[in-house]
Amino acid sequence: MSRRMELENELKMVQQRIDNASDNVPKEVKEAWVKELDSIAFELNNLYDDDENEFD
């Protein structure tokens, strides 16, 4: 599995965790999840795909 696919899957899982969180989840935990989501999104947006940029 490529790194891009891994990040996309992680992003989807974290987003679902946030969307499906119950009201009982502490605010600090939700904030940590949002930070994780932002971190994954940042890495995904700055990922360099070697296969897409080959000029052979």
PDB file of N, CA and C in Angstrom:
ATOM      1  N   MET A   1       0.849  -1.167   0.000  1.00  0.00           N
ATOM      2  CA  MET A   1       0.000   0.000   0.000  1.00  0.00           C
ATOM      3  C   MET A   1       0.900   1.236   0.000  1.00  0.00           C
ATOM      4  N   SER A   2       0.574   2.188  -0.841  1.00  0.00           N
ATOM      5  CA  SER A   2       1.379   3.403  -0.914  1.00  0.00           C
ATOM      6  C   SER A   2       1.135   4.292   0.304  1.00  0.00           C
ATOM      7  N   ARG A   3       2.069   5.179   0.531  1.00  0.00           N
ATOM      8  CA  ARG A   3       1.948   6.095   1.679  1.00  0.00           C
ATOM      9  C   ARG A   3       0.710   6.974   1.527  1.00  0.00           C
ATOM     10  N   ARG A   4       0.404   7.399   0.286  1.00  0.00           N
ATOM     11  CA  ARG A   4      -0.782   8.226   0.055  1.00  0.00           C
ATOM     12  C   ARG A   4      -2.046   7.469   0.461  1.00  0.00           C
ATOM     13  N   MET A   5      -2.137   6.211   0.087  1.00  0.00           N
ATOM     14  CA  MET A   5      -3.321   5.422   0.442  1.00  0.00           C
ATOM     15  C   MET A   5      -3.426   5.242   1.951  1.00  0.00           C
ATOM     16  N   GLU A   6      -2.285   5.008   2.599  1.00  0.00           N
ATOM     17  CA  GLU A   6      -2.283   4.862   4.056  1.00  0.00           C
ATOM     18  C   GLU A   6      -2.810   6.130   4.723  1.00  0.00           C
ATOM     19  N   LEU A   7      -2.316   7.276   4.277  1.00  0.00           N
ATOM     20  CA  LEU A   7      -2.751   8.549   4.862  1.00  0.00           C
ATOM     21  C   LEU A   7      -4.224   8.814   4.600  1.00  0.00           C
ATOM     22  N   GLU A   8      -4.684   8.493   3.395  1.00  0.00           N
ATOM     23  CA  GLU A   8      -6.098   8.691   3.085  1.00  0.00           C
ATOM     24  C   GLU A   8      -6.978   7.821   3.972  1.00  0.00           C
ATOM     25  N   ASN A   9      -6.554   6.575   4.216  1.00  0.00           N
ATOM     26  CA  ASN A   9      -7.312   5.679   5.102  1.00  0.00           C
ATOM     27  C   ASN A   9      -7.302   6.194   6.542  1.00  0.00           C
ATOM     28  N   GLU A  10      -6.135   6.635   7.013  1.00  0.00           N
ATOM     29  CA  GLU A  10      -6.036   7.183   8.367  1.00  0.00           C
ATOM     30  C   GLU A  10      -6.930   8.414   8.512  1.00  0.00           C
ATOM     31  N   LEU A  11      -6.911   9.273   7.506  1.00  0.00           N
ATOM     32  CA  LEU A  11      -7.727  10.482   7.532  1.00  0.00           C
ATOM     33  C   LEU A  11      -9.205  10.130   7.625  1.00  0.00           C
ATOM     34  N   LYS A  12      -9.616   9.151   6.849  1.00  0.00           N
ATOM     35  CA  LYS A  12     -11.018   8.719   6.858  1.00  0.00           C
ATOM     36  C   LYS A  12     -11.413   8.154   8.222  1.00  0.00           C
ATOM     37  N   MET A  13     -10.527   7.340   8.813  1.00  0.00           N
ATOM     38  CA  MET A  13     -10.831   6.734  10.114  1.00  0.00           C
ATOM     39  C   MET A  13     -10.940   7.781  11.216  1.00  0.00           C
ATOM     40  N   VAL A  14     -10.016   8.740  11.221  1.00  0.00           N
ATOM     41  CA  VAL A  14     -10.047   9.772  12.258  1.00  0.00           C
ATOM     42  C   VAL A  14     -11.283  10.647  12.087  1.00  0.00           C
ATOM     43  N   GLN A  15     -11.620  10.977  10.836  1.00  0.00           N
ATOM     44  CA  GLN A  15     -12.811  11.796  10.591  1.00  0.00           C
ATOM     45  C   GLN A  15     -14.072  11.069  11.057  1.00  0.00           C
ATOM     46  N   GLN A  16     -14.154   9.765  10.799  1.00  0.00           N
ATOM     47  CA  GLN A  16     -15.305   8.987  11.257  1.00  0.00           C
ATOM     48  C   GLN A  16     -15.353   8.937  12.785  1.00  0.00           C
ATOM     49  N   ARG A  17     -14.195   8.817  13.424  1.00  0.00           N
ATOM     50  CA  ARG A  17     -14.135   8.798  14.887  1.00  0.00           C
ATOM     51  C   ARG A  17     -14.684  10.106  15.450  1.00  0.00           C
ATOM     52  N   ILE A  18     -14.308  11.215  14.823  1.00  0.00           N
ATOM     53  CA  ILE A  18     -14.782  12.524  15.279  1.00  0.00           C
ATOM     54  C   ILE A  18     -16.282  12.656  15.034  1.00  0.00           C
ATOM     55  N   ASP A  19     -16.718  12.275  13.843  1.00  0.00           N
ATOM     56  CA  ASP A  19     -18.132  12.402  13.478  1.00  0.00           C
ATOM     57  C   ASP A  19     -19.040  11.536  14.336  1.00  0.00           C
ATOM     58  N   ASN A  20     -18.539  10.366  14.738  1.00  0.00           N
ATOM     59  CA  ASN A  20     -19.360   9.418  15.494  1.00  0.00           C
ATOM     60  C   ASN A  20     -19.138   9.478  17.000  1.00  0.00           C
ATOM     61  N   ALA A  21     -18.383  10.454  17.453  1.00  0.00           N
ATOM     62  CA  ALA A  21     -18.093  10.561  18.883  1.00  0.00           C
ATOM     63  C   ALA A  21     -19.359  10.898  19.670  1.00  0.00           C
ATOM     64  N   SER A  22     -19.510  10.231  20.786  1.00  0.00           N
ATOM     65  CA  SER A  22     -20.661  10.524  21.638  1.00  0.00           C
ATOM     66  C   SER A  22     -20.396  11.800  22.437  1.00  0.00           C
ATOM     67  N   ASP A  23     -21.420  12.291  23.071  1.00  0.00           N
ATOM     68  CA  ASP A  23     -21.289  13.495  23.884  1.00  0.00           C
ATOM     69  C   ASP A  23     -20.491  13.236  25.164  1.00  0.00           C
ATOM     70  N   ASN A  24     -20.260  11.971  25.479  1.00  0.00           N
ATOM     71  CA  ASN A  24     -19.526  11.610  26.689  1.00  0.00           C
ATOM     72  C   ASN A  24     -18.009  11.722  26.524  1.00  0.00           C
ATOM     73  N   VAL A  25     -17.553  11.893  25.285  1.00  0.00           N
ATOM     74  CA  VAL A  25     -16.109  11.984  25.037  1.00  0.00           C
ATOM     75  C   VAL A  25     -15.619  13.342  25.540  1.00  0.00           C
ATOM     76  N   PRO A  26     -14.589  13.346  26.366  1.00  0.00           N
ATOM     77  CA  PRO A  26     -14.071  14.606  26.903  1.00  0.00           C
ATOM     78  C   PRO A  26     -13.592  15.560  25.803  1.00  0.00           C
ATOM     79  N   LYS A  27     -13.715  16.831  26.094  1.00  0.00           N
ATOM     80  CA  LYS A  27     -13.320  17.874  25.148  1.00  0.00           C
ATOM     81  C   LYS A  27     -11.852  17.738  24.740  1.00  0.00           C
ATOM     82  N   GLU A  28     -11.003  17.403  25.704  1.00  0.00           N
ATOM     83  CA  GLU A  28      -9.574  17.266  25.437  1.00  0.00           C
ATOM     84  C   GLU A  28      -9.295  16.152  24.430  1.00  0.00           C
ATOM     85  N   VAL A  29     -10.057  15.074  24.524  1.00  0.00           N
ATOM     86  CA  VAL A  29      -9.880  13.951  23.598  1.00  0.00           C
ATOM     87  C   VAL A  29     -10.300  14.372  22.193  1.00  0.00           C
ATOM     88  N   LYS A  30     -11.432  15.060  22.094  1.00  0.00           N
ATOM     89  CA  LYS A  30     -11.888  15.531  20.782  1.00  0.00           C
ATOM     90  C   LYS A  30     -10.870  16.495  20.174  1.00  0.00           C
ATOM     91  N   GLU A  31     -10.295  17.353  21.000  1.00  0.00           N
ATOM     92  CA  GLU A  31      -9.272  18.286  20.509  1.00  0.00           C
ATOM     93  C   GLU A  31      -8.042  17.539  20.010  1.00  0.00           C
ATOM     94  N   ALA A  32      -7.666  16.475  20.698  1.00  0.00           N
ATOM     95  CA  ALA A  32      -6.524  15.667  20.269  1.00  0.00           C
ATOM     96  C   ALA A  32      -6.816  14.989  18.930  1.00  0.00           C
ATOM     97  N   TRP A  33      -8.042  14.529  18.759  1.00  0.00           N
ATOM     98  CA  TRP A  33      -8.432  13.914  17.496  1.00  0.00           C
ATOM     99  C   TRP A  33      -8.374  14.926  16.354  1.00  0.00           C
ATOM    100  N   VAL A  34      -8.821  16.140  16.606  1.00  0.00           N
ATOM    101  CA  VAL A  34      -8.790  17.183  15.579  1.00  0.00           C
ATOM    102  C   VAL A  34      -7.336  17.512  15.223  1.00  0.00           C
ATOM    103  N   LYS A  35      -6.461  17.567  16.219  1.00  0.00           N
ATOM    104  CA  LYS A  35      -5.037  17.813  15.950  1.00  0.00           C
ATOM    105  C   LYS A  35      -4.452  16.679  15.110  1.00  0.00           C
ATOM    106  N   GLU A  36      -4.831  15.448  15.418  1.00  0.00           N
ATOM    107  CA  GLU A  36      -4.375  14.301  14.640  1.00  0.00           C
ATOM    108  C   GLU A  36      -4.867  14.409  13.197  1.00  0.00           C
ATOM    109  N   LEU A  37      -6.127  14.779  13.034  1.00  0.00           N
ATOM    110  CA  LEU A  37      -6.705  14.960  11.707  1.00  0.00           C
ATOM    111  C   LEU A  37      -5.951  16.030  10.925  1.00  0.00           C
ATOM    112  N   ASP A  38      -5.668  17.141  11.568  1.00  0.00           N
ATOM    113  CA  ASP A  38      -4.925  18.231  10.919  1.00  0.00           C
ATOM    114  C   ASP A  38      -3.524  17.778  10.524  1.00  0.00           C
ATOM    115  N   SER A  39      -2.885  17.019  11.376  1.00  0.00           N
ATOM    116  CA  SER A  39      -1.533  16.539  11.104  1.00  0.00           C
ATOM    117  C   SER A  39      -1.515  15.593   9.899  1.00  0.00           C
ATOM    118  N   ILE A  40      -2.461  14.689   9.858  1.00  0.00           N
ATOM    119  CA  ILE A  40      -2.537  13.749   8.735  1.00  0.00           C
ATOM    120  C   ILE A  40      -2.857  14.498   7.444  1.00  0.00           C
ATOM    121  N   ALA A  41      -3.793  15.434   7.507  1.00  0.00           N
ATOM    122  CA  ALA A  41      -4.156  16.216   6.324  1.00  0.00           C
ATOM    123  C   ALA A  41      -2.963  17.028   5.824  1.00  0.00           C
ATOM    124  N   PHE A  42      -2.194  17.600   6.736  1.00  0.00           N
ATOM    125  CA  PHE A  42      -1.017  18.369   6.359  1.00  0.00           C
ATOM    126  C   PHE A  42       0.000  17.477   5.651  1.00  0.00           C
ATOM    127  N   GLU A  43       0.262  16.308   6.231  1.00  0.00           N
ATOM    128  CA  GLU A  43       1.220  15.386   5.613  1.00  0.00           C
ATOM    129  C   GLU A  43       0.737  14.939   4.239  1.00  0.00           C
ATOM    130  N   LEU A  44      -0.555  14.647   4.126  1.00  0.00           N
ATOM    131  CA  LEU A  44      -1.119  14.218   2.850  1.00  0.00           C
ATOM    132  C   LEU A  44      -1.017  15.318   1.801  1.00  0.00           C
ATOM    133  N   ASN A  45      -1.302  16.533   2.192  1.00  0.00           N
ATOM    134  CA  ASN A  45      -1.254  17.655   1.253  1.00  0.00           C
ATOM    135  C   ASN A  45       0.159  17.976   0.803  1.00  0.00           C
ATOM    136  N   ASN A  46       1.153  17.620   1.594  1.00  0.00           N
ATOM    137  CA  ASN A  46       2.539  17.916   1.259  1.00  0.00           C
ATOM    138  C   ASN A  46       3.309  16.687   0.785  1.00  0.00           C
ATOM    139  N   LEU A  47       2.592  15.621   0.498  1.00  0.00           N
ATOM    140  CA  LEU A  47       3.223  14.390   0.054  1.00  0.00           C
ATOM    141  C   LEU A  47       3.684  14.529  -1.389  1.00  0.00           C
ATOM    142  N   TYR A  48       4.884  14.073  -1.651  1.00  0.00           N
ATOM    143  CA  TYR A  48       5.455  14.094  -2.997  1.00  0.00           C
ATOM    144  C   TYR A  48       5.342  12.684  -3.565  1.00  0.00           C
ATOM    145  N   ASP A  49       4.616  12.556  -4.682  1.00  0.00           N
ATOM    146  CA  ASP A  49       4.440  11.254  -5.319  1.00  0.00           C
ATOM    147  C   ASP A  49       5.476  11.079  -6.412  1.00  0.00           C
ATOM    148  N   ASP A  50       6.447  10.200  -6.189  1.00  0.00           N
ATOM    149  CA  ASP A  50       7.497   9.951  -7.182  1.00  0.00           C
ATOM    150  C   ASP A  50       6.928   9.408  -8.488  1.00  0.00           C
ATOM    151  N   ASP A  51       5.961   8.504  -8.388  1.00  0.00           N
ATOM    152  CA  ASP A  51       5.408   7.871  -9.590  1.00  0.00           C
ATOM    153  C   ASP A  51       4.729   8.878 -10.512  1.00  0.00           C
ATOM    154  N   GLU A  52       4.083   9.875  -9.955  1.00  0.00           N
ATOM    155  CA  GLU A  52       3.361  10.843 -10.764  1.00  0.00           C
ATOM    156  C   GLU A  52       4.276  11.872 -11.402  1.00  0.00           C
ATOM    157  N   ASN A  53       5.512  11.953 -10.931  1.00  0.00           N
ATOM    158  CA  ASN A  53       6.412  13.006 -11.404  1.00  0.00           C
ATOM    159  C   ASN A  53       7.631  12.470 -12.128  1.00  0.00           C
ATOM    160  N   GLU A  54       7.529  11.288 -12.686  1.00  0.00           N
ATOM    161  CA  GLU A  54       8.644  10.731 -13.440  1.00  0.00           C
ATOM    162  C   GLU A  54       8.613  11.273 -14.860  1.00  0.00           C
ATOM    163  N   PHE A  55       9.758  11.612 -15.357  1.00  0.00           N
ATOM    164  CA  PHE A  55       9.840  12.218 -16.688  1.00  0.00           C
ATOM    165  C   PHE A  55      10.661  11.339 -17.639  1.00  0.00           C
ATOM    166  N   ASP A  56      10.551  10.032 -17.524  1.00  0.00           N
ATOM    167  CA  ASP A  56      11.324   9.111 -18.372  1.00  0.00           C
ATOM    168  C   ASP A  56      10.791   9.095 -19.776  1.00  0.00           C
TER     169      ASP A  56
END
